[in-house]
Amino acid sequence: MAGATLEFTFKDEEVQAMARRFREQLARVRFRPLLAAIGNELVTSVSRRFETGTAPDGSRWPESLRARLTGGQTLIKSGRLRDSIAETGPQLTARSVEVGTNVVYAAIHQFGGIIPPHIIRARRARALSIPGIGFRRAVHHPGGTIPARPYLGLSDTDERVIQDLTEDWMRKKMAKMRA
């Protein structure tokens, strides 16, 4: 019986050379511009959470007693916590970005927790004023529970924005590498 054969040989030397050049170029790539863009987007996202009183998952923060009594916003009394995130800005390394704050009370608001009973002492004379009672040098704080009000974290929207920024950045880098 007569037969016919078709033989195909894949010679990948050119593909291997392209892959090698790509790896060499990728090793020299600077990620800082991409990371800075991602960090700036995350700072903006966290600021929006303070405005809307929502966690990264979209759930509303439990309203604080102070906000309920004064009509203010939860987690925004002086604005120090919110502003510290923007003032600190994204912290960059060669391959990472961090967004956060060094405000001492940040963690209790992010994760929640229990504050034990304690004594509050005035640092300056006449600093503790109690309406109807006058000034005190020290007062007893009964303690309490602070519910978690997460403001740091990635929302679904944040993840999409990061993906879009990364894909756009990669397309531009690939175009330069081909040139």
N, C-alpha and C. Protein backbone atom coordinates (compact mmCIF):
# COMPACT_ATOMS: atom_id res chain seq x y z
N MET A 1 0.84 -1.17 0.00
CA MET A 1 0.00 0.00 0.00
C MET A 1 0.88 1.23 0.00
N ALA A 2 0.56 2.12 -0.87
CA ALA A 2 1.33 3.34 -0.99
C ALA A 2 0.89 4.31 0.09
N GLY A 3 1.76 5.14 0.55
CA GLY A 3 1.43 6.09 1.61
C GLY A 3 1.99 7.46 1.32
N ALA A 4 1.56 8.35 2.12
CA ALA A 4 2.05 9.72 2.02
C ALA A 4 2.30 10.22 3.44
N THR A 5 3.35 10.94 3.60
CA THR A 5 3.70 11.46 4.91
C THR A 5 4.03 12.94 4.78
N LEU A 6 3.57 13.67 5.74
CA LEU A 6 3.92 15.09 5.81
C LEU A 6 4.68 15.27 7.11
N GLU A 7 5.87 15.75 7.00
CA GLU A 7 6.67 15.95 8.20
C GLU A 7 6.84 17.45 8.43
N PHE A 8 6.67 17.85 9.69
CA PHE A 8 6.82 19.26 10.05
C PHE A 8 7.83 19.31 11.19
N THR A 9 8.86 20.07 11.02
CA THR A 9 9.87 20.23 12.06
C THR A 9 9.84 21.67 12.54
N PHE A 10 9.65 21.82 13.83
CA PHE A 10 9.59 23.16 14.42
C PHE A 10 10.98 23.52 14.90
N LYS A 11 11.52 24.55 14.31
CA LYS A 11 12.84 25.02 14.72
C LYS A 11 12.61 26.29 15.53
N ASP A 12 12.89 26.19 16.81
CA ASP A 12 12.53 27.30 17.70
C ASP A 12 13.72 28.17 18.11
N GLU A 13 14.80 28.11 17.37
CA GLU A 13 15.96 28.92 17.74
C GLU A 13 15.61 30.41 17.79
N GLU A 14 14.83 30.85 16.81
CA GLU A 14 14.47 32.27 16.77
C GLU A 14 13.55 32.64 17.94
N VAL A 15 12.60 31.75 18.25
CA VAL A 15 11.70 31.99 19.38
C VAL A 15 12.50 32.00 20.68
N GLN A 16 13.42 31.05 20.82
CA GLN A 16 14.26 31.00 22.03
C GLN A 16 15.10 32.27 22.16
N ALA A 17 15.62 32.76 21.05
CA ALA A 17 16.43 33.99 21.08
C ALA A 17 15.56 35.18 21.51
N MET A 18 14.33 35.24 20.99
CA MET A 18 13.41 36.32 21.38
C MET A 18 13.09 36.23 22.88
N ALA A 19 12.85 35.02 23.37
CA ALA A 19 12.54 34.84 24.79
C ALA A 19 13.73 35.24 25.66
N ARG A 20 14.93 34.91 25.21
CA ARG A 20 16.14 35.28 25.96
C ARG A 20 16.29 36.80 26.01
N ARG A 21 16.09 37.46 24.86
CA ARG A 21 16.17 38.94 24.82
C ARG A 21 15.11 39.56 25.72
N PHE A 22 13.91 38.96 25.70
CA PHE A 22 12.81 39.47 26.53
C PHE A 22 13.18 39.36 28.02
N ARG A 23 13.72 38.20 28.43
CA ARG A 23 14.11 38.02 29.83
C ARG A 23 15.20 39.01 30.23
N GLU A 24 16.16 39.23 29.34
CA GLU A 24 17.24 40.19 29.64
C GLU A 24 16.69 41.60 29.79
N GLN A 25 15.78 41.98 28.91
CA GLN A 25 15.19 43.32 28.98
C GLN A 25 14.30 43.45 30.21
N LEU A 26 13.57 42.39 30.53
CA LEU A 26 12.68 42.42 31.69
C LEU A 26 13.48 42.60 32.98
N ALA A 27 14.69 42.03 33.03
CA ALA A 27 15.53 42.17 34.22
C ALA A 27 15.94 43.62 34.44
N ARG A 28 15.97 44.41 33.37
CA ARG A 28 16.37 45.82 33.49
C ARG A 28 15.19 46.77 33.66
N VAL A 29 13.99 46.24 33.61
CA VAL A 29 12.79 47.08 33.70
C VAL A 29 12.68 47.71 35.08
N ARG A 30 12.31 48.97 35.10
CA ARG A 30 12.07 49.69 36.35
C ARG A 30 10.57 49.74 36.59
N PHE A 31 10.14 49.19 37.70
CA PHE A 31 8.72 49.11 38.03
C PHE A 31 8.21 50.34 38.78
N ARG A 32 9.11 51.22 39.20
CA ARG A 32 8.70 52.35 40.05
C ARG A 32 7.59 53.20 39.44
N PRO A 33 7.62 53.54 38.16
CA PRO A 33 6.51 54.35 37.63
C PRO A 33 5.16 53.64 37.74
N LEU A 34 5.13 52.34 37.47
CA LEU A 34 3.90 51.57 37.62
C LEU A 34 3.47 51.53 39.08
N LEU A 35 4.42 51.24 39.97
CA LEU A 35 4.10 51.15 41.39
C LEU A 35 3.62 52.49 41.94
N ALA A 36 4.22 53.59 41.47
CA ALA A 36 3.79 54.92 41.91
C ALA A 36 2.36 55.19 41.47
N ALA A 37 2.03 54.81 40.24
CA ALA A 37 0.65 55.00 39.74
C ALA A 37 -0.33 54.16 40.55
N ILE A 38 0.03 52.92 40.85
CA ILE A 38 -0.83 52.06 41.66
C ILE A 38 -0.99 52.65 43.06
N GLY A 39 0.11 53.08 43.66
CA GLY A 39 0.07 53.67 44.99
C GLY A 39 -0.81 54.91 45.05
N ASN A 40 -0.70 55.77 44.06
CA ASN A 40 -1.53 56.99 44.03
C ASN A 40 -3.01 56.64 43.90
N GLU A 41 -3.33 55.64 43.10
CA GLU A 41 -4.73 55.20 42.97
C GLU A 41 -5.24 54.66 44.30
N LEU A 42 -4.40 53.92 45.01
CA LEU A 42 -4.82 53.35 46.30
C LEU A 42 -5.03 54.44 47.35
N VAL A 43 -4.17 55.45 47.35
CA VAL A 43 -4.34 56.57 48.29
C VAL A 43 -5.68 57.26 48.02
N THR A 44 -5.99 57.48 46.74
CA THR A 44 -7.27 58.09 46.36
C THR A 44 -8.44 57.22 46.81
N SER A 45 -8.30 55.92 46.64
CA SER A 45 -9.35 54.98 47.03
C SER A 45 -9.60 55.01 48.54
N VAL A 46 -8.52 55.05 49.32
CA VAL A 46 -8.66 55.11 50.78
C VAL A 46 -9.33 56.43 51.19
N SER A 47 -8.96 57.52 50.54
CA SER A 47 -9.60 58.82 50.84
C SER A 47 -11.10 58.76 50.59
N ARG A 48 -11.48 58.09 49.49
CA ARG A 48 -12.91 57.94 49.19
C ARG A 48 -13.63 57.14 50.27
N ARG A 49 -12.95 56.15 50.83
CA ARG A 49 -13.57 55.35 51.90
C ARG A 49 -13.88 56.20 53.12
N PHE A 50 -13.01 57.15 53.43
CA PHE A 50 -13.28 58.05 54.56
C PHE A 50 -14.49 58.94 54.23
N GLU A 51 -14.60 59.37 52.99
CA GLU A 51 -15.75 60.22 52.60
C GLU A 51 -17.06 59.45 52.66
N THR A 52 -17.03 58.19 52.23
CA THR A 52 -18.27 57.41 52.14
C THR A 52 -18.53 56.54 53.36
N GLY A 53 -17.51 56.37 54.22
CA GLY A 53 -17.68 55.53 55.41
C GLY A 53 -17.86 54.06 55.07
N THR A 54 -17.11 53.59 54.06
CA THR A 54 -17.25 52.20 53.63
C THR A 54 -15.92 51.46 53.68
N ALA A 55 -16.00 50.17 53.89
CA ALA A 55 -14.84 49.28 53.90
C ALA A 55 -14.49 48.88 52.46
N PRO A 56 -13.32 48.29 52.25
CA PRO A 56 -12.95 47.84 50.91
C PRO A 56 -13.96 46.87 50.29
N ASP A 57 -14.67 46.10 51.12
CA ASP A 57 -15.66 45.16 50.58
C ASP A 57 -16.99 45.84 50.28
N GLY A 58 -17.08 47.16 50.52
CA GLY A 58 -18.30 47.91 50.22
C GLY A 58 -19.27 48.04 51.37
N SER A 59 -19.02 47.33 52.48
CA SER A 59 -19.93 47.42 53.63
C SER A 59 -19.73 48.76 54.35
N ARG A 60 -20.81 49.25 54.96
CA ARG A 60 -20.74 50.51 55.70
C ARG A 60 -20.06 50.29 57.04
N TRP A 61 -19.29 51.29 57.47
CA TRP A 61 -18.70 51.24 58.80
C TRP A 61 -19.79 51.42 59.84
N PRO A 62 -19.65 50.78 60.99
CA PRO A 62 -20.57 51.09 62.09
C PRO A 62 -20.38 52.56 62.49
N GLU A 63 -21.46 53.27 62.68
CA GLU A 63 -21.37 54.69 63.02
C GLU A 63 -20.80 54.84 64.43
N SER A 64 -19.90 55.80 64.60
CA SER A 64 -19.33 56.03 65.92
C SER A 64 -20.30 56.83 66.78
N LEU A 65 -20.17 56.71 68.08
CA LEU A 65 -21.01 57.46 69.00
C LEU A 65 -20.81 58.96 68.79
N ARG A 66 -19.56 59.38 68.63
CA ARG A 66 -19.28 60.80 68.41
C ARG A 66 -19.98 61.31 67.16
N ALA A 67 -19.92 60.56 66.07
CA ALA A 67 -20.58 60.98 64.83
C ALA A 67 -22.10 61.04 65.02
N ARG A 68 -22.63 60.07 65.76
CA ARG A 68 -24.07 60.04 66.00
C ARG A 68 -24.51 61.25 66.83
N LEU A 69 -23.73 61.60 67.85
CA LEU A 69 -24.11 62.70 68.75
C LEU A 69 -23.87 64.08 68.15
N THR A 70 -22.83 64.21 67.34
CA THR A 70 -22.49 65.54 66.80
C THR A 70 -22.90 65.73 65.36
N GLY A 71 -23.32 64.65 64.70
CA GLY A 71 -23.66 64.76 63.28
C GLY A 71 -22.44 64.76 62.38
N GLY A 72 -21.28 64.45 62.93
CA GLY A 72 -20.05 64.40 62.14
C GLY A 72 -19.92 63.08 61.40
N GLN A 73 -18.71 62.84 60.90
CA GLN A 73 -18.44 61.60 60.17
C GLN A 73 -17.62 60.66 61.04
N THR A 74 -17.89 59.38 60.91
CA THR A 74 -17.12 58.36 61.62
C THR A 74 -15.68 58.38 61.11
N LEU A 75 -14.74 58.27 62.03
CA LEU A 75 -13.28 58.28 61.80
C LEU A 75 -12.75 59.62 61.30
N ILE A 76 -13.59 60.66 61.29
CA ILE A 76 -13.09 61.97 60.89
C ILE A 76 -13.48 62.98 61.97
N LYS A 77 -12.62 63.11 62.96
CA LYS A 77 -12.84 64.14 63.98
C LYS A 77 -11.95 65.33 63.61
N SER A 78 -10.65 65.09 63.63
CA SER A 78 -9.71 66.14 63.22
C SER A 78 -9.25 65.91 61.78
N GLY A 79 -9.45 64.70 61.26
CA GLY A 79 -8.98 64.36 59.92
C GLY A 79 -7.55 63.84 59.91
N ARG A 80 -6.94 63.72 61.09
CA ARG A 80 -5.54 63.31 61.17
C ARG A 80 -5.29 61.94 60.56
N LEU A 81 -6.11 60.95 60.88
CA LEU A 81 -5.92 59.60 60.35
C LEU A 81 -6.05 59.61 58.83
N ARG A 82 -7.13 60.19 58.33
CA ARG A 82 -7.36 60.26 56.88
C ARG A 82 -6.21 61.00 56.19
N ASP A 83 -5.86 62.17 56.71
CA ASP A 83 -4.83 62.99 56.07
C ASP A 83 -3.45 62.35 56.11
N SER A 84 -3.18 61.55 57.15
CA SER A 84 -1.86 60.94 57.28
C SER A 84 -1.57 59.99 56.12
N ILE A 85 -2.60 59.38 55.58
CA ILE A 85 -2.40 58.43 54.48
C ILE A 85 -1.98 59.18 53.23
N ALA A 86 -2.64 60.30 52.94
CA ALA A 86 -2.27 61.10 51.77
C ALA A 86 -0.92 61.78 51.98
N GLU A 87 -0.67 62.28 53.20
CA GLU A 87 0.59 62.98 53.47
C GLU A 87 1.78 62.04 53.38
N THR A 88 1.61 60.81 53.88
CA THR A 88 2.68 59.82 53.81
C THR A 88 2.87 59.40 52.36
N GLY A 89 1.76 59.28 51.63
CA GLY A 89 1.81 58.87 50.24
C GLY A 89 2.24 57.42 50.10
N PRO A 90 2.25 56.92 48.88
CA PRO A 90 2.69 55.54 48.68
C PRO A 90 4.20 55.43 48.93
N GLN A 91 4.60 54.40 49.64
CA GLN A 91 6.01 54.13 49.91
C GLN A 91 6.49 53.10 48.89
N LEU A 92 7.49 53.48 48.10
CA LEU A 92 7.96 52.63 47.01
C LEU A 92 9.31 52.00 47.30
N THR A 93 9.46 50.75 46.84
CA THR A 93 10.77 50.13 46.73
C THR A 93 10.90 49.78 45.25
N ALA A 94 11.95 49.07 44.88
CA ALA A 94 12.14 48.71 43.48
C ALA A 94 11.02 47.82 42.95
N ARG A 95 10.42 47.01 43.83
CA ARG A 95 9.42 46.05 43.37
C ARG A 95 8.16 46.00 44.21
N SER A 96 7.92 47.01 45.07
CA SER A 96 6.69 46.98 45.88
C SER A 96 6.21 48.39 46.19
N VAL A 97 4.95 48.46 46.59
CA VAL A 97 4.37 49.73 47.02
C VAL A 97 3.54 49.46 48.27
N GLU A 98 3.63 50.38 49.24
CA GLU A 98 2.85 50.27 50.47
C GLU A 98 2.06 51.55 50.65
N VAL A 99 0.82 51.40 51.10
CA VAL A 99 -0.02 52.54 51.45
C VAL A 99 -0.49 52.29 52.87
N GLY A 100 -0.27 53.26 53.74
CA GLY A 100 -0.66 53.08 55.13
C GLY A 100 -0.44 54.34 55.92
N THR A 101 -0.36 54.19 57.23
CA THR A 101 -0.21 55.32 58.13
C THR A 101 0.58 54.90 59.35
N ASN A 102 1.22 55.87 59.98
CA ASN A 102 1.94 55.59 61.23
C ASN A 102 1.21 56.19 62.43
N VAL A 103 -0.04 56.61 62.25
CA VAL A 103 -0.82 57.16 63.35
C VAL A 103 -1.07 56.04 64.37
N VAL A 104 -0.81 56.34 65.64
CA VAL A 104 -0.83 55.32 66.69
C VAL A 104 -2.16 54.57 66.79
N TYR A 105 -3.25 55.27 66.62
CA TYR A 105 -4.56 54.64 66.81
C TYR A 105 -5.13 54.05 65.52
N ALA A 106 -4.33 53.98 64.46
CA ALA A 106 -4.81 53.48 63.18
C ALA A 106 -5.26 52.02 63.26
N ALA A 107 -4.48 51.19 63.92
CA ALA A 107 -4.77 49.75 63.95
C ALA A 107 -6.09 49.43 64.65
N ILE A 108 -6.38 50.12 65.76
CA ILE A 108 -7.63 49.83 66.49
C ILE A 108 -8.85 50.13 65.62
N HIS A 109 -8.73 51.14 64.76
CA HIS A 109 -9.86 51.46 63.88
C HIS A 109 -9.92 50.51 62.68
N GLN A 110 -8.78 50.10 62.17
CA GLN A 110 -8.74 49.17 61.04
C GLN A 110 -9.26 47.78 61.44
N PHE A 111 -8.79 47.27 62.58
CA PHE A 111 -9.08 45.90 62.98
C PHE A 111 -10.10 45.78 64.11
N GLY A 112 -10.36 46.88 64.82
CA GLY A 112 -11.24 46.83 65.98
C GLY A 112 -10.48 46.27 67.17
N GLY A 113 -11.10 46.32 68.34
CA GLY A 113 -10.45 45.77 69.52
C GLY A 113 -11.09 46.27 70.80
N ILE A 114 -10.51 45.83 71.89
CA ILE A 114 -11.02 46.19 73.22
C ILE A 114 -10.04 47.16 73.88
N ILE A 115 -10.57 48.25 74.39
CA ILE A 115 -9.76 49.20 75.16
C ILE A 115 -10.07 48.94 76.63
N PRO A 116 -9.06 48.55 77.41
CA PRO A 116 -9.32 48.26 78.83
C PRO A 116 -9.57 49.55 79.62
N PRO A 117 -10.20 49.43 80.78
CA PRO A 117 -10.37 50.61 81.64
C PRO A 117 -9.00 51.21 81.98
N HIS A 118 -8.93 52.53 82.04
CA HIS A 118 -7.66 53.18 82.35
C HIS A 118 -7.91 54.60 82.88
N ILE A 119 -6.86 55.20 83.39
CA ILE A 119 -6.91 56.56 83.91
C ILE A 119 -6.35 57.50 82.84
N ILE A 120 -7.07 58.57 82.56
CA ILE A 120 -6.59 59.60 81.65
C ILE A 120 -6.07 60.74 82.53
N ARG A 121 -4.80 61.08 82.37
CA ARG A 121 -4.19 62.15 83.17
C ARG A 121 -3.94 63.36 82.27
N ALA A 122 -4.22 64.54 82.81
CA ALA A 122 -4.00 65.77 82.07
C ALA A 122 -2.50 66.01 81.94
N ARG A 123 -2.07 66.35 80.77
CA ARG A 123 -0.65 66.66 80.55
C ARG A 123 -0.37 68.12 80.89
N ARG A 124 -1.37 68.95 80.68
CA ARG A 124 -1.26 70.37 81.00
C ARG A 124 -2.31 70.70 82.05
N ALA A 125 -2.02 71.65 82.87
CA ALA A 125 -2.98 72.05 83.91
C ALA A 125 -4.30 72.45 83.27
N ARG A 126 -5.37 72.06 83.90
CA ARG A 126 -6.73 72.40 83.49
C ARG A 126 -7.09 71.85 82.11
N ALA A 127 -6.44 70.78 81.68
CA ALA A 127 -6.70 70.24 80.35
C ALA A 127 -7.96 69.39 80.29
N LEU A 128 -8.34 68.76 81.37
CA LEU A 128 -9.52 67.90 81.38
C LEU A 128 -10.72 68.68 81.91
N SER A 129 -11.54 69.15 81.02
CA SER A 129 -12.72 69.92 81.41
C SER A 129 -13.95 69.05 81.25
N ILE A 130 -14.75 68.96 82.30
CA ILE A 130 -15.98 68.18 82.27
C ILE A 130 -17.14 69.14 82.49
N PRO A 131 -18.05 69.26 81.51
CA PRO A 131 -19.17 70.20 81.65
C PRO A 131 -19.96 69.95 82.93
N GLY A 132 -20.22 71.01 83.68
CA GLY A 132 -20.99 70.92 84.91
C GLY A 132 -20.18 70.50 86.12
N ILE A 133 -18.97 70.00 85.90
CA ILE A 133 -18.13 69.55 87.01
C ILE A 133 -16.90 70.44 87.15
N GLY A 134 -16.35 70.85 86.02
CA GLY A 134 -15.15 71.68 86.06
C GLY A 134 -13.94 70.91 85.56
N PHE A 135 -12.77 71.32 86.05
CA PHE A 135 -11.52 70.74 85.59
C PHE A 135 -11.06 69.63 86.51
N ARG A 136 -10.44 68.62 85.93
CA ARG A 136 -9.90 67.50 86.70
C ARG A 136 -8.48 67.21 86.21
N ARG A 137 -7.66 66.73 87.13
CA ARG A 137 -6.29 66.34 86.77
C ARG A 137 -6.27 64.94 86.16
N ALA A 138 -7.23 64.11 86.56
CA ALA A 138 -7.31 62.74 86.04
C ALA A 138 -8.76 62.28 86.06
N VAL A 139 -9.12 61.45 85.09
CA VAL A 139 -10.46 60.87 85.05
C VAL A 139 -10.34 59.38 84.73
N HIS A 140 -11.30 58.63 85.19
CA HIS A 140 -11.33 57.19 84.93
C HIS A 140 -12.09 56.94 83.62
N HIS A 141 -11.43 56.24 82.69
CA HIS A 141 -12.09 55.85 81.43
C HIS A 141 -12.55 54.40 81.61
N PRO A 142 -13.83 54.11 81.38
CA PRO A 142 -14.33 52.76 81.64
C PRO A 142 -13.88 51.71 80.64
N GLY A 143 -13.25 52.12 79.55
CA GLY A 143 -12.87 51.16 78.51
C GLY A 143 -14.04 50.92 77.58
N GLY A 144 -13.87 50.04 76.64
CA GLY A 144 -14.94 49.73 75.70
C GLY A 144 -14.44 48.95 74.51
N THR A 145 -15.35 48.67 73.61
CA THR A 145 -15.03 47.92 72.40
C THR A 145 -15.13 48.85 71.20
N ILE A 146 -14.11 48.85 70.39
CA ILE A 146 -14.10 49.62 69.15
C ILE A 146 -14.34 48.63 68.01
N PRO A 147 -15.42 48.80 67.23
CA PRO A 147 -15.64 47.88 66.11
C PRO A 147 -14.65 48.15 64.98
N ALA A 148 -14.36 47.13 64.20
CA ALA A 148 -13.47 47.30 63.04
C ALA A 148 -14.15 48.21 62.02
N ARG A 149 -13.37 49.15 61.52
CA ARG A 149 -13.83 50.03 60.44
C ARG A 149 -12.70 50.07 59.41
N PRO A 150 -12.58 48.99 58.62
CA PRO A 150 -11.45 48.89 57.70
C PRO A 150 -11.47 49.98 56.63
N TYR A 151 -10.34 50.63 56.48
CA TYR A 151 -10.18 51.65 55.45
C TYR A 151 -9.05 51.28 54.49
N LEU A 152 -8.13 50.42 54.94
CA LEU A 152 -7.06 49.93 54.08
C LEU A 152 -7.46 48.57 53.52
N GLY A 153 -7.06 48.31 52.29
CA GLY A 153 -7.37 47.03 51.66
C GLY A 153 -7.74 47.26 50.21
N LEU A 154 -7.87 46.18 49.47
CA LEU A 154 -8.19 46.27 48.05
C LEU A 154 -9.66 45.93 47.82
N SER A 155 -10.35 46.83 47.16
CA SER A 155 -11.73 46.56 46.74
C SER A 155 -11.68 45.88 45.37
N ASP A 156 -12.81 45.39 44.91
CA ASP A 156 -12.87 44.82 43.56
C ASP A 156 -12.49 45.87 42.53
N THR A 157 -12.94 47.10 42.74
CA THR A 157 -12.60 48.20 41.83
C THR A 157 -11.10 48.45 41.84
N ASP A 158 -10.49 48.46 43.04
CA ASP A 158 -9.04 48.65 43.13
C ASP A 158 -8.31 47.58 42.34
N GLU A 159 -8.75 46.34 42.46
CA GLU A 159 -8.09 45.25 41.74
C GLU A 159 -8.19 45.45 40.23
N ARG A 160 -9.36 45.88 39.75
CA ARG A 160 -9.53 46.13 38.31
C ARG A 160 -8.64 47.29 37.85
N VAL A 161 -8.57 48.34 38.66
CA VAL A 161 -7.72 49.49 38.31
C VAL A 161 -6.26 49.06 38.24
N ILE A 162 -5.81 48.28 39.22
CA ILE A 162 -4.43 47.79 39.23
C ILE A 162 -4.17 46.93 38.00
N GLN A 163 -5.12 46.07 37.67
CA GLN A 163 -4.97 45.22 36.48
C GLN A 163 -4.89 46.07 35.22
N ASP A 164 -5.77 47.07 35.10
CA ASP A 164 -5.75 47.94 33.92
C ASP A 164 -4.43 48.72 33.82
N LEU A 165 -3.98 49.28 34.94
CA LEU A 165 -2.71 50.02 34.94
C LEU A 165 -1.56 49.11 34.53
N THR A 166 -1.55 47.89 35.07
CA THR A 166 -0.47 46.95 34.79
C THR A 166 -0.49 46.51 33.33
N GLU A 167 -1.68 46.20 32.81
CA GLU A 167 -1.77 45.77 31.41
C GLU A 167 -1.33 46.89 30.47
N ASP A 168 -1.76 48.12 30.75
CA ASP A 168 -1.37 49.26 29.92
C ASP A 168 0.15 49.46 29.98
N TRP A 169 0.71 49.38 31.18
CA TRP A 169 2.14 49.54 31.37
C TRP A 169 2.90 48.45 30.61
N MET A 170 2.40 47.19 30.70
CA MET A 170 3.07 46.08 30.01
C MET A 170 3.00 46.23 28.50
N ARG A 171 1.84 46.67 27.99
CA ARG A 171 1.74 46.89 26.53
C ARG A 171 2.78 47.89 26.06
N LYS A 172 2.94 48.98 26.81
CA LYS A 172 3.92 50.00 26.44
C LYS A 172 5.34 49.44 26.50
N LYS A 173 5.64 48.67 27.54
CA LYS A 173 6.97 48.07 27.68
C LYS A 173 7.24 47.07 26.55
N MET A 174 6.24 46.25 26.23
CA MET A 174 6.41 45.26 25.15
C MET A 174 6.65 45.96 23.82
N ALA A 175 5.93 47.06 23.59
CA ALA A 175 6.11 47.80 22.34
C ALA A 175 7.54 48.35 22.26
N LYS A 176 8.07 48.83 23.37
CA LYS A 176 9.44 49.34 23.39
C LYS A 176 10.44 48.22 23.17
N MET A 177 10.16 47.04 23.76
CA MET A 177 11.08 45.91 23.63
C MET A 177 11.13 45.40 22.20
N ARG A 178 10.01 45.49 21.50
CA ARG A 178 9.98 45.02 20.11
C ARG A 178 10.71 45.98 19.19
N ALA A 179 10.74 47.23 19.57
CA ALA A 179 11.35 48.26 18.71
C ALA A 179 12.85 48.15 18.68
